[in-house]
C-alpha atoms as a PDB file:
ATOM      1  CA  MET A   1     102.262  58.091 165.986  1.00  0.00           C
ATOM      2  CA  PRO A   2      99.805  59.143 163.192  1.00  0.00           C
ATOM      3  CA  LEU A   3      99.554  62.892 162.596  1.00  0.00           C
ATOM      4  CA  ALA A   4      96.454  64.581 163.930  1.00  0.00           C
ATOM      5  CA  THR A   5      94.505  66.250 161.091  1.00  0.00           C
ATOM      6  CA  ASN A   6      91.076  67.739 160.434  1.00  0.00           C
ATOM      7  CA  ALA A   7      90.392  64.966 157.746  1.00  0.00           C
ATOM      8  CA  ASP A   8      86.953  64.225 159.278  1.00  0.00           C
ATOM      9  CA  ARG A   9      85.805  67.817 158.490  1.00  0.00           C
ATOM     10  CA  LEU A  10      86.850  67.834 154.810  1.00  0.00           C
ATOM     11  CA  VAL A  11      84.352  67.792 151.946  1.00  0.00           C
ATOM     12  CA  THR A  12      84.713  65.330 148.951  1.00  0.00           C
ATOM     13  CA  GLN A  13      83.356  66.561 145.643  1.00  0.00           C
ATOM     14  CA  THR A  14      83.080  64.599 142.446  1.00  0.00           C
ATOM     15  CA  LEU A  15      84.692  66.614 139.702  1.00  0.00           C
ATOM     16  CA  THR A  16      84.578  65.793 135.927  1.00  0.00           C
ATOM     17  CA  GLY A  17      86.775  66.289 133.007  1.00  0.00           C
ATOM     18  CA  GLU A  18      87.956  64.723 129.921  1.00  0.00           C
ATOM     19  CA  VAL A  19      91.325  63.528 128.333  1.00  0.00           C
ATOM     20  CA  TRP A  20      92.594  66.587 126.519  1.00  0.00           C
ATOM     21  CA  PRO A  21      94.388  66.158 123.189  1.00  0.00           C
ATOM     22  CA  PRO A  22      98.050  67.056 122.663  1.00  0.00           C
ATOM     23  CA  LEU A  23      98.367  70.551 121.156  1.00  0.00           C
ATOM     24  CA  ALA A  24     100.948  72.104 118.976  1.00  0.00           C
ATOM     25  CA  ASP A  25     101.158  75.137 116.674  1.00  0.00           C
ATOM     26  CA  ARG A  26     102.057  75.023 112.950  1.00  0.00           C
ATOM     27  CA  HIS A  27     105.576  76.168 113.619  1.00  0.00           C
ATOM     28  CA  GLY A  28     106.421  73.109 115.548  1.00  0.00           C
ATOM     29  CA  TYR A  29     110.002  73.478 116.697  1.00  0.00           C
ATOM     30  CA  ARG A  30     111.208  74.964 119.972  1.00  0.00           C
ATOM     31  CA  VAL A  31     114.707  75.502 121.189  1.00  0.00           C
ATOM     32  CA  ASP A  32     116.559  73.843 124.191  1.00  0.00           C
ATOM     33  CA  ALA A  33     118.808  75.425 126.717  1.00  0.00           C
ATOM     34  CA  ASP A  34     121.819  74.948 124.414  1.00  0.00           C
ATOM     35  CA  GLY A  35     120.139  76.542 121.503  1.00  0.00           C
ATOM     36  CA  HIS A  36     119.271  73.439 119.441  1.00  0.00           C
ATOM     37  CA  PRO A  37     115.758  73.135 117.938  1.00  0.00           C
ATOM     38  CA  PHE A  38     113.629  70.085 118.833  1.00  0.00           C
ATOM     39  CA  LEU A  39     110.262  68.622 117.967  1.00  0.00           C
ATOM     40  CA  LEU A  40     108.988  66.093 120.526  1.00  0.00           C
ATOM     41  CA  PRO A  41     105.842  64.713 122.130  1.00  0.00           C
ATOM     42  CA  GLY A  42     104.943  66.155 125.557  1.00  0.00           C
ATOM     43  CA  MET A  43     101.850  67.728 127.098  1.00  0.00           C
ATOM     44  CA  GLY A  44      98.326  66.523 126.706  1.00  0.00           C
ATOM     45  CA  GLY A  45      96.638  63.278 125.746  1.00  0.00           C
ATOM     46  CA  VAL A  46      97.624  59.752 126.963  1.00  0.00           C
ATOM     47  CA  SER A  47     101.340  59.322 127.662  1.00  0.00           C
ATOM     48  CA  MET A  48     102.523  55.777 128.236  1.00  0.00           C
ATOM     49  CA  ALA A  49     105.821  56.614 129.928  1.00  0.00           C
ATOM     50  CA  ALA A  50     107.116  57.505 133.367  1.00  0.00           C
ATOM     51  CA  HIS A  51     104.818  55.877 135.825  1.00  0.00           C
ATOM     52  CA  ILE A  52     104.957  56.673 139.566  1.00  0.00           C
ATOM     53  CA  GLY A  53     108.373  55.622 140.811  1.00  0.00           C
ATOM     54  CA  GLN A  54     110.084  55.640 137.390  1.00  0.00           C
ATOM     55  CA  ALA A  55     112.574  58.001 136.050  1.00  0.00           C
ATOM     56  CA  ALA A  56     111.351  61.593 135.242  1.00  0.00           C
ATOM     57  CA  THR A  57     114.221  62.374 132.795  1.00  0.00           C
ATOM     58  CA  GLY A  58     115.942  60.660 129.915  1.00  0.00           C
ATOM     59  CA  TYR A  59     112.972  60.590 127.562  1.00  0.00           C
ATOM     60  CA  ALA A  60     112.778  62.019 124.147  1.00  0.00           C
ATOM     61  CA  SER A  61     109.964  64.316 125.255  1.00  0.00           C
ATOM     62  CA  ASP A  62     109.172  67.915 126.072  1.00  0.00           C
ATOM     63  CA  HIS A  63     107.137  68.754 129.217  1.00  0.00           C
ATOM     64  CA  LEU A  64     106.312  65.105 129.665  1.00  0.00           C
ATOM     65  CA  GLU A  65     102.862  64.643 131.430  1.00  0.00           C
ATOM     66  CA  PRO A  66     102.698  60.994 132.595  1.00  0.00           C
ATOM     67  CA  GLY A  67      99.394  59.174 132.150  1.00  0.00           C
ATOM     68  CA  LEU A  68      96.218  61.053 131.454  1.00  0.00           C
ATOM     69  CA  SER A  69      96.178  64.829 130.960  1.00  0.00           C
ATOM     70  CA  ILE A  70      92.734  65.959 132.090  1.00  0.00           C
ATOM     71  CA  ARG A  71      90.819  69.223 131.878  1.00  0.00           C
ATOM     72  CA  HIS A  72      87.233  70.534 131.482  1.00  0.00           C
ATOM     73  CA  ALA A  73      86.004  72.497 128.494  1.00  0.00           C
ATOM     74  CA  ASN A  74      84.208  74.997 130.720  1.00  0.00           C
ATOM     75  CA  GLU A  75      86.645  77.600 132.215  1.00  0.00           C
ATOM     76  CA  GLY A  76      85.172  77.671 135.626  1.00  0.00           C
ATOM     77  CA  ALA A  77      84.761  73.848 135.843  1.00  0.00           C
ATOM     78  CA  ASN A  78      88.342  73.479 134.688  1.00  0.00           C
ATOM     79  CA  ALA A  79      89.561  75.907 137.480  1.00  0.00           C
ATOM     80  CA  ALA A  80      87.688  73.813 140.073  1.00  0.00           C
ATOM     81  CA  LEU A  81      89.387  70.732 138.573  1.00  0.00           C
ATOM     82  CA  GLN A  82      92.761  72.366 138.905  1.00  0.00           C
ATOM     83  CA  PHE A  83      92.383  73.935 142.344  1.00  0.00           C
ATOM     84  CA  LEU A  84      90.507  71.071 144.138  1.00  0.00           C
ATOM     85  CA  SER A  85      92.129  67.959 142.688  1.00  0.00           C
ATOM     86  CA  CYS A  86      94.813  66.626 145.107  1.00  0.00           C
ATOM     87  CA  VAL A  87      97.755  64.208 144.907  1.00  0.00           C
ATOM     88  CA  GLY A  88      96.399  60.748 145.697  1.00  0.00           C
ATOM     89  CA  ASN A  89      92.808  61.422 144.686  1.00  0.00           C
ATOM     90  CA  ARG A  90      91.076  58.502 142.939  1.00  0.00           C
ATOM     91  CA  VAL A  91      90.370  59.036 139.237  1.00  0.00           C
ATOM     92  CA  THR A  92      87.715  56.845 137.445  1.00  0.00           C
ATOM     93  CA  VAL A  93      87.277  56.498 133.658  1.00  0.00           C
ATOM     94  CA  ARG A  94      83.614  57.121 132.890  1.00  0.00           C
ATOM     95  CA  SER A  95      83.477  56.517 129.077  1.00  0.00           C
ATOM     96  CA  GLY A  96      85.074  54.375 126.398  1.00  0.00           C
ATOM     97  CA  PRO A  97      86.544  50.856 126.506  1.00  0.00           C
ATOM     98  CA  ALA A  98      88.329  51.577 129.947  1.00  0.00           C
ATOM     99  CA  THR A  99      85.138  52.577 131.734  1.00  0.00           C
ATOM    100  CA  GLY A 100      85.376  51.834 135.425  1.00  0.00           C
ATOM    101  CA  ALA A 101      89.197  51.704 135.593  1.00  0.00           C
ATOM    102  CA  THR A 102      90.733  53.828 138.420  1.00  0.00           C
ATOM    103  CA  GLY A 103      94.014  55.621 138.759  1.00  0.00           C
ATOM    104  CA  THR A 104      95.656  58.156 140.954  1.00  0.00           C
ATOM    105  CA  VAL A 105      96.101  61.921 140.681  1.00  0.00           C
ATOM    106  CA  LEU A 106      99.830  62.738 140.395  1.00  0.00           C
ATOM    107  CA  GLY A 107      99.463  66.514 140.620  1.00  0.00           C
ATOM    108  CA  GLN A 108      98.698  69.561 138.461  1.00  0.00           C
ATOM    109  CA  HIS A 109     100.413  70.951 135.376  1.00  0.00           C
ATOM    110  CA  ALA A 110      98.584  72.640 132.473  1.00  0.00           C
ATOM    111  CA  TYR A 111      96.218  69.750 133.187  1.00  0.00           C
ATOM    112  CA  VAL A 112      95.328  67.454 136.120  1.00  0.00           C
ATOM    113  CA  LEU A 113      97.608  64.476 135.709  1.00  0.00           C
ATOM    114  CA  ALA A 114      96.562  60.839 136.582  1.00  0.00           C
ATOM    115  CA  ASP A 115      98.655  57.707 136.527  1.00  0.00           C
ATOM    116  CA  PHE A 116      97.105  54.481 135.315  1.00  0.00           C
ATOM    117  CA  ALA A 117      98.500  51.058 134.397  1.00  0.00           C
ATOM    118  CA  ASP A 118      99.604  50.729 130.790  1.00  0.00           C
ATOM    119  CA  ASP A 119      96.925  48.183 130.028  1.00  0.00           C
ATOM    120  CA  VAL A 120      94.268  50.823 130.945  1.00  0.00           C
ATOM    121  CA  LEU A 121      96.073  53.665 129.127  1.00  0.00           C
ATOM    122  CA  SER A 122      96.102  51.635 125.956  1.00  0.00           C
ATOM    123  CA  LEU A 123      92.263  51.638 126.056  1.00  0.00           C
ATOM    124  CA  VAL A 124      91.906  55.363 126.739  1.00  0.00           C
ATOM    125  CA  THR A 125      91.710  58.091 124.092  1.00  0.00           C
ATOM    126  CA  THR A 126      91.209  61.821 123.700  1.00  0.00           C
ATOM    127  CA  GLY A 127      87.701  62.850 124.786  1.00  0.00           C
ATOM    128  CA  ASP A 128      87.123  60.013 127.197  1.00  0.00           C
ATOM    129  CA  ARG A 129      85.378  61.336 130.311  1.00  0.00           C
ATOM    130  CA  VAL A 130      86.812  60.871 133.821  1.00  0.00           C
ATOM    131  CA  SER A 131      85.798  61.797 137.350  1.00  0.00           C
ATOM    132  CA  VAL A 132      87.981  62.794 140.291  1.00  0.00           C
ATOM    133  CA  ASN A 133      87.035  62.207 143.888  1.00  0.00           C
ATOM    134  CA  ALA A 134      88.485  65.492 145.029  1.00  0.00           C
ATOM    135  CA  VAL A 135      89.314  65.852 148.663  1.00  0.00           C
ATOM    136  CA  GLY A 136      92.260  67.438 150.542  1.00  0.00           C
ATOM    137  CA  GLN A 137      92.131  71.213 150.085  1.00  0.00           C
ATOM    138  CA  GLY A 138      91.706  72.620 153.621  1.00  0.00           C
ATOM    139  CA  LEU A 139      93.648  69.798 155.209  1.00  0.00           C
ATOM    140  CA  ARG A 140      95.579  70.856 158.355  1.00  0.00           C
ATOM    141  CA  PHE A 141      98.097  69.099 160.597  1.00  0.00           C
ATOM    142  CA  LEU A 142      96.691  70.030 163.957  1.00  0.00           C
ATOM    143  CA  ASP A 143      99.923  69.790 165.901  1.00  0.00           C
ATOM    144  CA  HIS A 144     101.935  71.744 163.308  1.00  0.00           C
ATOM    145  CA  PRO A 145     100.111  75.095 162.784  1.00  0.00           C
ATOM    146  CA  GLU A 146     103.112  76.719 161.056  1.00  0.00           C
ATOM    147  CA  VAL A 147     102.983  74.137 158.200  1.00  0.00           C
ATOM    148  CA  ARG A 148     100.510  74.813 155.329  1.00  0.00           C
ATOM    149  CA  VAL A 149      99.202  71.715 153.705  1.00  0.00           C
ATOM    150  CA  LYS A 150      98.225  71.893 149.938  1.00  0.00           C
ATOM    151  CA  ASN A 151      97.093  69.458 147.233  1.00  0.00           C
ATOM    152  CA  LEU A 152      97.234  66.343 149.517  1.00  0.00           C
ATOM    153  CA  ASP A 153      94.634  63.574 149.739  1.00  0.00           C
ATOM    154  CA  PRO A 154      94.232  62.976 153.536  1.00  0.00           C
ATOM    155  CA  ALA A 155      94.316  59.214 152.939  1.00  0.00           C
ATOM    156  CA  LEU A 156      97.969  59.550 152.022  1.00  0.00           C
ATOM    157  CA  VAL A 157      99.011  61.274 155.246  1.00  0.00           C
ATOM    158  CA  ASP A 158      99.720  58.148 157.233  1.00  0.00           C
ATOM    159  CA  ARG A 159     101.321  56.323 154.281  1.00  0.00           C
ATOM    160  CA  LEU A 160     103.843  59.024 153.462  1.00  0.00           C
ATOM    161  CA  PRO A 161     107.102  59.483 155.571  1.00  0.00           C
ATOM    162  CA  PHE A 162     105.538  62.214 157.732  1.00  0.00           C
ATOM    163  CA  SER A 163     105.591  62.109 161.520  1.00  0.00           C
ATOM    164  CA  THR A 164     106.166  64.276 164.581  1.00  0.00           C
ATOM    165  CA  ALA A 165     109.742  64.362 165.618  1.00  0.00           C
ATOM    166  CA  PRO A 166     110.766  64.203 169.351  1.00  0.00           C
ATOM    167  CA  ASP A 167     111.343  67.951 169.345  1.00  0.00           C
ATOM    168  CA  GLY A 168     107.774  68.636 168.095  1.00  0.00           C
ATOM    169  CA  THR A 169     108.776  69.564 164.562  1.00  0.00           C
ATOM    170  CA  LEU A 170     107.294  67.868 161.524  1.00  0.00           C
ATOM    171  CA  ALA A 171     109.567  64.945 160.438  1.00  0.00           C
ATOM    172  CA  VAL A 172     109.645  64.494 156.661  1.00  0.00           C
ATOM    173  CA  GLU A 173     111.709  62.197 154.420  1.00  0.00           C
ATOM    174  CA  VAL A 174     112.551  63.437 150.974  1.00  0.00           C
ATOM    175  CA  ALA A 175     114.375  61.747 148.027  1.00  0.00           C
ATOM    176  CA  ARG A 176     116.237  64.925 147.141  1.00  0.00           C
ATOM    177  CA  ARG A 177     116.996  68.430 148.395  1.00  0.00           C
ATOM    178  CA  VAL A 178     116.474  71.020 145.661  1.00  0.00           C
ATOM    179  CA  PRO A 179     118.494  74.393 145.896  1.00  0.00           C
ATOM    180  CA  ALA A 180     116.544  77.627 145.493  1.00  0.00           C
ATOM    181  CA  GLU A 181     118.290  78.424 142.267  1.00  0.00           C
ATOM    182  CA  ALA A 182     116.660  75.458 140.582  1.00  0.00           C
ATOM    183  CA  ALA A 183     113.155  76.837 140.930  1.00  0.00           C
ATOM    184  CA  GLY A 184     112.040  77.832 137.446  1.00  0.00           C
ATOM    185  CA  ALA A 185     108.722  78.389 135.731  1.00  0.00           C
ATOM    186  CA  GLY A 186     105.731  78.468 138.257  1.00  0.00           C
ATOM    187  CA  GLY A 187     107.094  81.197 140.452  1.00  0.00           C
ATOM    188  CA  GLY A 188     104.390  83.773 141.280  1.00  0.00           C
ATOM    189  CA  MET A 189     101.631  81.369 140.572  1.00  0.00           C
ATOM    190  CA  LEU A 190      99.166  80.048 143.097  1.00  0.00           C
ATOM    191  CA  SER A 191     100.518  76.886 144.727  1.00  0.00           C
ATOM    192  CA  GLU A 192      97.170  75.012 144.112  1.00  0.00           C
ATOM    193  CA  PHE A 193      97.645  75.524 140.396  1.00  0.00           C
ATOM    194  CA  ALA A 194     100.130  73.732 138.110  1.00  0.00           C
ATOM    195  CA  ASN A 195     103.505  73.011 139.601  1.00  0.00           C
ATOM    196  CA  THR A 196     107.089  74.371 139.873  1.00  0.00           C
ATOM    197  CA  ASP A 197     109.336  73.401 136.943  1.00  0.00           C
ATOM    198  CA  LEU A 198     112.847  72.653 138.178  1.00  0.00           C
ATOM    199  CA  MET A 199     115.857  73.758 136.190  1.00  0.00           C
ATOM    200  CA  GLY A 200     119.076  71.771 136.082  1.00  0.00           C
ATOM    201  CA  ALA A 201     117.656  68.420 134.937  1.00  0.00           C
ATOM    202  CA  TYR A 202     118.854  68.536 131.291  1.00  0.00           C
ATOM    203  CA  PRO A 203     120.474  65.205 130.589  1.00  0.00           C
ATOM    204  CA  GLY A 204     122.617  65.284 127.493  1.00  0.00           C
ATOM    205  CA  LEU A 205     123.139  69.092 127.527  1.00  0.00           C
ATOM    206  CA  SER A 206     126.034  71.150 128.695  1.00  0.00           C
ATOM    207  CA  GLU A 207     127.315  70.203 132.215  1.00  0.00           C
ATOM    208  CA  ASP A 208     127.263  73.757 133.434  1.00  0.00           C
ATOM    209  CA  LEU A 209     123.384  73.580 133.000  1.00  0.00           C
ATOM    210  CA  SER A 210     123.131  70.744 135.464  1.00  0.00           C
ATOM    211  CA  LEU A 211     122.158  71.109 139.108  1.00  0.00           C
ATOM    212  CA  GLY A 212     122.369  67.277 139.594  1.00  0.00           C
ATOM    213  CA  LEU A 213     118.650  66.685 139.270  1.00  0.00           C
ATOM    214  CA  GLU A 214     118.695  64.223 136.404  1.00  0.00           C
ATOM    215  CA  THR A 215     117.985  61.280 138.658  1.00  0.00           C
ATOM    216  CA  LEU A 216     114.581  62.542 139.713  1.00  0.00           C
ATOM    217  CA  ARG A 217     111.623  60.053 139.582  1.00  0.00           C
ATOM    218  CA  ILE A 218     107.950  60.641 139.127  1.00  0.00           C
ATOM    219  CA  GLY A 219     106.481  60.599 142.564  1.00  0.00           C
ATOM    220  CA  ASP A 220     109.655  61.627 144.426  1.00  0.00           C
ATOM    221  CA  LEU A 221     109.153  63.751 147.500  1.00  0.00           C
ATOM    222  CA  VAL A 222     111.599  66.730 147.287  1.00  0.00           C
ATOM    223  CA  LEU A 223     112.489  69.611 149.525  1.00  0.00           C
ATOM    224  CA  LEU A 224     112.632  73.026 147.827  1.00  0.00           C
ATOM    225  CA  GLU A 225     114.940  75.184 149.857  1.00  0.00           C
ATOM    226  CA  ASP A 226     114.190  78.848 150.500  1.00  0.00           C
ATOM    227  CA  GLN A 227     110.764  78.548 148.825  1.00  0.00           C
ATOM    228  CA  ASP A 228     107.482  79.647 150.391  1.00  0.00           C
ATOM    229  CA  HIS A 229     104.342  78.199 148.761  1.00  0.00           C
ATOM    230  CA  SER A 230     101.955  79.181 151.429  1.00  0.00           C
ATOM    231  CA  TYR A 231      99.831  81.603 149.344  1.00  0.00           C
ATOM    232  CA  GLY A 232     101.606  81.446 145.981  1.00  0.00           C
ATOM    233  CA  ARG A 233     105.148  80.518 145.044  1.00  0.00           C
ATOM    234  CA  GLY A 234     108.263  82.624 145.663  1.00  0.00           C
ATOM    235  CA  TYR A 235     111.757  82.908 147.088  1.00  0.00           C
ATOM    236  CA  ARG A 236     111.849  83.319 150.904  1.00  0.00           C
ATOM    237  CA  PRO A 237     115.094  82.592 152.896  1.00  0.00           C
ATOM    238  CA  GLY A 238     114.541  80.434 155.828  1.00  0.00           C
ATOM    239  CA  TRP A 239     111.359  78.779 154.459  1.00  0.00           C
ATOM    240  CA  VAL A 240     111.028  75.356 152.789  1.00  0.00           C
ATOM    241  CA  THR A 241     108.495  73.599 150.600  1.00  0.00           C
ATOM    242  CA  VAL A 242     107.954  69.904 150.192  1.00  0.00           C
ATOM    243  CA  GLY A 243     106.650  68.842 146.749  1.00  0.00           C
ATOM    244  CA  LEU A 244     105.990  65.664 144.740  1.00  0.00           C
ATOM    245  CA  ILE A 245     107.405  65.328 141.226  1.00  0.00           C
ATOM    246  CA  SER A 246     104.493  65.207 138.900  1.00  0.00           C
ATOM    247  CA  THR A 247     105.959  65.967 135.512  1.00  0.00           C
ATOM    248  CA  GLY A 248     108.984  64.804 133.614  1.00  0.00           C
ATOM    249  CA  GLU A 249     111.579  65.701 130.929  1.00  0.00           C
ATOM    250  CA  CYS A 250     111.494  69.218 129.437  1.00  0.00           C
ATOM    251  CA  ARG A 251     113.982  70.693 127.030  1.00  0.00           C
ATOM    252  CA  LEU A 252     113.079  74.458 127.449  1.00  0.00           C
ATOM    253  CA  PHE A 253     115.468  76.517 129.510  1.00  0.00           C
ATOM    254  CA  GLY A 254     113.941  77.402 132.859  1.00  0.00           C
ATOM    255  CA  HIS A 255     111.706  74.304 132.828  1.00  0.00           C
ATOM    256  CA  GLY A 256     112.151  70.722 133.813  1.00  0.00           C
ATOM    257  CA  PRO A 257     110.540  67.956 135.941  1.00  0.00           C
ATOM    258  CA  GLY A 258     108.253  69.687 138.438  1.00  0.00           C
ATOM    259  CA  PRO A 259     106.793  69.068 141.841  1.00  0.00           C
ATOM    260  CA  SER A 260     103.251  69.844 142.953  1.00  0.00           C
ATOM    261  CA  THR A 261     103.260  71.631 146.308  1.00  0.00           C
ATOM    262  CA  LEU A 262     102.318  69.438 149.379  1.00  0.00           C
ATOM    263  CA  LEU A 263     103.711  71.332 152.422  1.00  0.00           C
ATOM    264  CA  SER A 264     105.247  74.756 153.159  1.00  0.00           C
ATOM    265  CA  GLY A 265     106.484  76.660 156.147  1.00  0.00           C
ATOM    266  CA  PRO A 266     109.509  77.967 158.061  1.00  0.00           C
ATOM    267  CA  ALA A 267     112.466  75.640 157.964  1.00  0.00           C
ATOM    268  CA  SER A 268     112.393  75.598 161.744  1.00  0.00           C
ATOM    269  CA  ALA A 269     109.163  73.807 161.677  1.00  0.00           C
ATOM    270  CA  PHE A 270     110.605  70.705 159.905  1.00  0.00           C
ATOM    271  CA  THR A 271     113.166  67.978 160.546  1.00  0.00           C
ATOM    272  CA  VAL A 272     114.114  66.709 157.137  1.00  0.00           C
ATOM    273  CA  THR A 273     116.106  63.546 156.246  1.00  0.00           C
ATOM    274  CA  GLU A 274     116.880  62.086 152.826  1.00  0.00           C
ATOM    275  CA  SER A 275     115.781  58.615 151.848  1.00  0.00           C
ATOM    276  CA  ASP A 276     115.718  56.863 148.414  1.00  0.00           C
ATOM    277  CA  SER A 277     112.375  55.329 149.325  1.00  0.00           C
ATOM    278  CA  ALA A 278     110.671  58.805 149.681  1.00  0.00           C
ATOM    279  CA  ASN A 279     108.334  58.209 146.676  1.00  0.00           C
ATOM    280  CA  LEU A 280     104.599  58.060 146.174  1.00  0.00           C
ATOM    281  CA  ALA A 281     104.952  54.475 144.950  1.00  0.00           C
ATOM    282  CA  ASN A 282     105.580  53.348 148.457  1.00  0.00           C
ATOM    283  CA  ALA A 283     102.428  55.082 149.796  1.00  0.00           C
ATOM    284  CA  LEU A 284     100.054  53.447 147.276  1.00  0.00           C
ATOM    285  CA  SER A 285      98.724  49.941 146.752  1.00  0.00           C
ATOM    286  CA  PRO A 286     101.136  46.994 146.049  1.00  0.00           C
ATOM    287  CA  ALA A 287      99.943  47.104 142.348  1.00  0.00           C
ATOM    288  CA  ALA A 288     100.957  50.746 142.019  1.00  0.00           C
ATOM    289  CA  ALA A 289     104.123  50.241 143.982  1.00  0.00           C
ATOM    290  CA  ALA A 290     105.163  47.445 141.502  1.00  0.00           C
ATOM    291  CA  HIS A 291     106.053  50.210 139.075  1.00  0.00           C
ATOM    292  CA  PHE A 292     108.794  51.421 141.538  1.00  0.00           C
ATOM    293  CA  VAL A 293     112.304  50.240 140.640  1.00  0.00           C
ATOM    294  CA  PRO A 294     115.072  51.594 142.799  1.00  0.00           C
ATOM    295  CA  GLY A 295     117.760  53.154 140.595  1.00  0.00           C
ATOM    296  CA  ALA A 296     115.499  53.327 137.538  1.00  0.00           C
ATOM    297  CA  ALA A 297     116.240  56.963 137.175  1.00  0.00           C
ATOM    298  CA  ALA A 298     119.951  56.461 137.049  1.00  0.00           C
ATOM    299  CA  ALA A 299     119.619  53.673 134.501  1.00  0.00           C
ATOM    300  CA  ALA A 300     117.470  55.873 132.283  1.00  0.00           C
ATOM    301  CA  THR A 301     119.706  58.873 132.331  1.00  0.00           C
ATOM    302  CA  SER A 302     122.991  56.990 131.829  1.00  0.00           C
ATOM    303  CA  HIS A 303     122.057  56.641 128.134  1.00  0.00           C
ATOM    304  CA  PRO A 304     119.777  59.688 127.578  1.00  0.00           C
ATOM    305  CA  THR A 305     117.661  59.854 124.483  1.00  0.00           C
ATOM    306  CA  SER A 306     117.129  63.561 124.714  1.00  0.00           C
ATOM    307  CA  ASN A 307     117.712  66.025 121.923  1.00  0.00           C
ATOM    308  CA  PRO A 308     117.641  63.581 118.983  1.00  0.00           C
ATOM    309  CA  GLU A 309     117.440  66.575 116.674  1.00  0.00           C
ATOM    310  CA  ARG A 310     120.779  67.904 117.661  1.00  0.00           C
ATOM    311  CA  THR A 311     122.438  66.859 114.371  1.00  0.00           C
ATOM    312  CA  HIS A 312     120.079  69.172 112.511  1.00  0.00           C
ATOM    313  CA  ALA A 313     121.206  72.238 114.488  1.00  0.00           C
END
């Protein structure tokens, strides 16, 4: 049975932004969790890697932001873009050769991230303007008042593996359970801003740094154990948060592929099961779902390309 929501009372706003350039400082190198320097592409710009459903790790990258990295030059307008854009919102290119092409909001990081097909991404460049049909903040599941809903386009609700269990709890399928100790950068921040970087997904580094998260995929639904994201992000025993992986490979200790928050509440309000199919690709159109290749993450991480500068350490 479809979940009852207040979707008919939500407001849609058209937000604007532009594709922001990749940024770096003149010193260039950073250091990974094993103490080795690296210099790799990552945040900002147009990144043609890691579409929805594809591996989040195994790339020679740092803080990989899939697709378009979008922000607004005005501080207040950029805050609105960050706080009001929701996973699943439609993004439209408004200038340049790709004008009219549409994509999907993946989540938030330092920027709002949007996935497009590669043939569109190849036409987009820094400074191209985009619009976001922002809707979702204020969404509630009417029969599950203990569950806070964040950053979720209401059109996705019936397509994601969410339902009401026979005992009245919210039934959710996730691709992975994430232990509380994996929660890294992002703690203490508002759950409508950026995401939570997950530690323990460092393919190619020391095994004692691993928490078994190297097989995460972009778009995976994950369960963050003992995490309360109701009005911020923090450790809270007996609470859980469901997020969607929106960013990929990162070499910095304390960082890693990160989920944008979707649901949070006491663990007793949820019935959680694991399923390999719990990925945003399966909630989108057939064209978007075509990116999804089961097992792609394992294939990508079996021969990791991470840390190519290790020989220079």
